[in-house]
Each structure stands twice: as C-alpha cells, then as structure tokens.
Amino acid sequence: MVYYDHPGGGGVFWVGSVTFGGSLVVDDKLSQMVKNVMNRYTLESKSDLL
C-alpha cells in the first residue's frame, strides 16, 4: 500500500492487491482507512476551489 502526497497538490493511493476490493466488505478498519483517504482528497480539492 502506498500513499503519496505530491508537492504540486496531487496524490497517489495505490494498493497492489487483487483482493483489496473484496476485503473492504469484511474489514471495518480497512474500510475506515479508505474513507479517511478519500475524505482527505475530497476536502483538499474542495478547499482549493474556494
């Protein structure tokens, strides 16, 4: 799993696993982590528009 914030404002969240998507349904901690990552990207992109 890789999480990288680019200095130019972009970012990368990468998971090198075929079974990652299926794991989201059964692993609450993993699901919360993905929600946190998505919220961070969403909040940052909205604040950039203001």
N, C-alpha and C. Protein backbone atom coordinates (compact mmCIF):
# COMPACT_ATOMS: atom_id res chain seq x y z
N MET A 1 0.84 -1.16 0.00
CA MET A 1 0.00 0.00 0.00
C MET A 1 0.90 1.23 0.00
N VAL A 2 0.55 2.17 -0.86
CA VAL A 2 1.33 3.40 -0.99
C VAL A 2 0.39 4.60 -0.90
N TYR A 3 0.80 5.58 -0.11
CA TYR A 3 0.10 6.86 -0.03
C TYR A 3 1.16 7.93 -0.22
N TYR A 4 0.97 8.75 -1.23
CA TYR A 4 1.98 9.76 -1.56
C TYR A 4 1.31 11.08 -1.87
N ASP A 5 1.70 12.13 -1.18
CA ASP A 5 1.25 13.49 -1.48
C ASP A 5 2.29 14.15 -2.37
N HIS A 6 1.87 14.56 -3.55
CA HIS A 6 2.78 15.22 -4.48
C HIS A 6 2.88 16.70 -4.12
N PRO A 7 4.08 17.27 -4.20
CA PRO A 7 4.25 18.69 -3.86
C PRO A 7 3.38 19.62 -4.70
N GLY A 8 2.98 19.19 -5.89
CA GLY A 8 2.15 20.02 -6.75
C GLY A 8 0.68 20.00 -6.39
N GLY A 9 0.32 19.23 -5.36
CA GLY A 9 -1.07 19.21 -4.91
C GLY A 9 -1.81 17.93 -5.20
N GLY A 10 -1.27 17.07 -6.03
CA GLY A 10 -1.93 15.80 -6.32
C GLY A 10 -1.53 14.75 -5.31
N GLY A 11 -2.03 13.57 -5.53
CA GLY A 11 -1.69 12.49 -4.61
C GLY A 11 -1.92 11.14 -5.23
N VAL A 12 -1.33 10.13 -4.64
CA VAL A 12 -1.47 8.76 -5.11
C VAL A 12 -1.83 7.88 -3.92
N PHE A 13 -2.84 7.06 -4.10
CA PHE A 13 -3.17 6.00 -3.15
C PHE A 13 -3.23 4.73 -3.97
N TRP A 14 -2.32 3.81 -3.71
CA TRP A 14 -2.19 2.61 -4.52
C TRP A 14 -2.18 1.38 -3.62
N VAL A 15 -2.91 0.38 -4.06
CA VAL A 15 -2.94 -0.89 -3.33
C VAL A 15 -2.63 -1.99 -4.33
N GLY A 16 -1.57 -2.72 -4.10
CA GLY A 16 -1.14 -3.76 -5.02
C GLY A 16 -1.73 -5.11 -4.68
N SER A 17 -3.04 -5.21 -4.68
CA SER A 17 -3.68 -6.47 -4.33
C SER A 17 -4.97 -6.65 -5.12
N VAL A 18 -5.13 -7.83 -5.68
CA VAL A 18 -6.35 -8.16 -6.42
C VAL A 18 -7.53 -8.30 -5.46
N THR A 19 -7.28 -8.70 -4.23
CA THR A 19 -8.36 -8.96 -3.28
C THR A 19 -8.72 -7.75 -2.41
N PHE A 20 -8.10 -6.62 -2.66
CA PHE A 20 -8.33 -5.45 -1.81
C PHE A 20 -9.79 -5.03 -1.80
N GLY A 21 -10.41 -4.93 -2.95
CA GLY A 21 -11.81 -4.50 -3.02
C GLY A 21 -12.75 -5.40 -2.23
N GLY A 22 -12.55 -6.70 -2.33
CA GLY A 22 -13.38 -7.64 -1.58
C GLY A 22 -13.15 -7.55 -0.08
N SER A 23 -11.97 -7.16 0.31
CA SER A 23 -11.65 -7.03 1.73
C SER A 23 -12.37 -5.86 2.38
N LEU A 24 -12.74 -4.87 1.60
CA LEU A 24 -13.42 -3.70 2.15
C LEU A 24 -14.76 -4.07 2.79
N VAL A 25 -15.39 -5.12 2.27
CA VAL A 25 -16.71 -5.54 2.76
C VAL A 25 -16.61 -6.18 4.15
N VAL A 26 -15.51 -6.85 4.42
CA VAL A 26 -15.40 -7.64 5.66
C VAL A 26 -14.44 -7.05 6.69
N ASP A 27 -13.70 -6.02 6.35
CA ASP A 27 -12.70 -5.46 7.27
C ASP A 27 -13.04 -4.00 7.56
N ASP A 28 -13.63 -3.77 8.72
CA ASP A 28 -14.08 -2.42 9.09
C ASP A 28 -12.92 -1.43 9.19
N LYS A 29 -11.78 -1.87 9.70
CA LYS A 29 -10.64 -0.96 9.84
C LYS A 29 -10.09 -0.55 8.48
N LEU A 30 -10.04 -1.50 7.56
CA LEU A 30 -9.59 -1.19 6.20
C LEU A 30 -10.56 -0.25 5.51
N SER A 31 -11.85 -0.50 5.68
CA SER A 31 -12.87 0.38 5.09
C SER A 31 -12.75 1.80 5.63
N GLN A 32 -12.52 1.93 6.93
CA GLN A 32 -12.38 3.26 7.53
C GLN A 32 -11.14 3.97 7.01
N MET A 33 -10.06 3.22 6.82
CA MET A 33 -8.84 3.82 6.29
C MET A 33 -9.08 4.39 4.89
N VAL A 34 -9.79 3.63 4.05
CA VAL A 34 -10.08 4.11 2.70
C VAL A 34 -10.98 5.34 2.75
N LYS A 35 -11.96 5.33 3.63
CA LYS A 35 -12.82 6.51 3.80
C LYS A 35 -12.00 7.73 4.20
N ASN A 36 -11.05 7.54 5.11
CA ASN A 36 -10.20 8.65 5.54
C ASN A 36 -9.37 9.21 4.39
N VAL A 37 -8.81 8.32 3.58
CA VAL A 37 -8.02 8.76 2.43
C VAL A 37 -8.91 9.52 1.44
N MET A 38 -10.08 8.98 1.14
CA MET A 38 -10.98 9.63 0.19
C MET A 38 -11.46 10.97 0.73
N ASN A 39 -11.76 11.03 2.01
CA ASN A 39 -12.17 12.31 2.61
C ASN A 39 -11.06 13.34 2.53
N ARG A 40 -9.85 12.92 2.75
CA ARG A 40 -8.73 13.86 2.68
C ARG A 40 -8.60 14.45 1.28
N TYR A 41 -8.64 13.60 0.27
CA TYR A 41 -8.55 14.09 -1.10
C TYR A 41 -9.74 14.97 -1.45
N THR A 42 -10.92 14.59 -1.02
CA THR A 42 -12.13 15.36 -1.32
C THR A 42 -12.09 16.72 -0.64
N LEU A 43 -11.73 16.75 0.64
CA LEU A 43 -11.67 18.01 1.37
C LEU A 43 -10.61 18.94 0.81
N GLU A 44 -9.47 18.39 0.44
CA GLU A 44 -8.42 19.23 -0.12
C GLU A 44 -8.84 19.82 -1.45
N SER A 45 -9.49 19.02 -2.29
CA SER A 45 -9.85 19.53 -3.61
C SER A 45 -10.95 20.59 -3.50
N LYS A 46 -11.88 20.44 -2.55
CA LYS A 46 -12.93 21.45 -2.36
C LYS A 46 -12.34 22.75 -1.84
N SER A 47 -11.40 22.67 -0.91
CA SER A 47 -10.83 23.89 -0.34
C SER A 47 -10.00 24.64 -1.38
N ASP A 48 -9.44 23.91 -2.34
CA ASP A 48 -8.67 24.57 -3.40
C ASP A 48 -9.55 25.40 -4.32
N LEU A 49 -10.85 25.08 -4.37
CA LEU A 49 -11.77 25.79 -5.26
C LEU A 49 -12.26 27.10 -4.66
N LEU A 50 -12.12 27.26 -3.36
CA LEU A 50 -12.63 28.47 -2.70
C LEU A 50 -11.76 29.66 -2.92
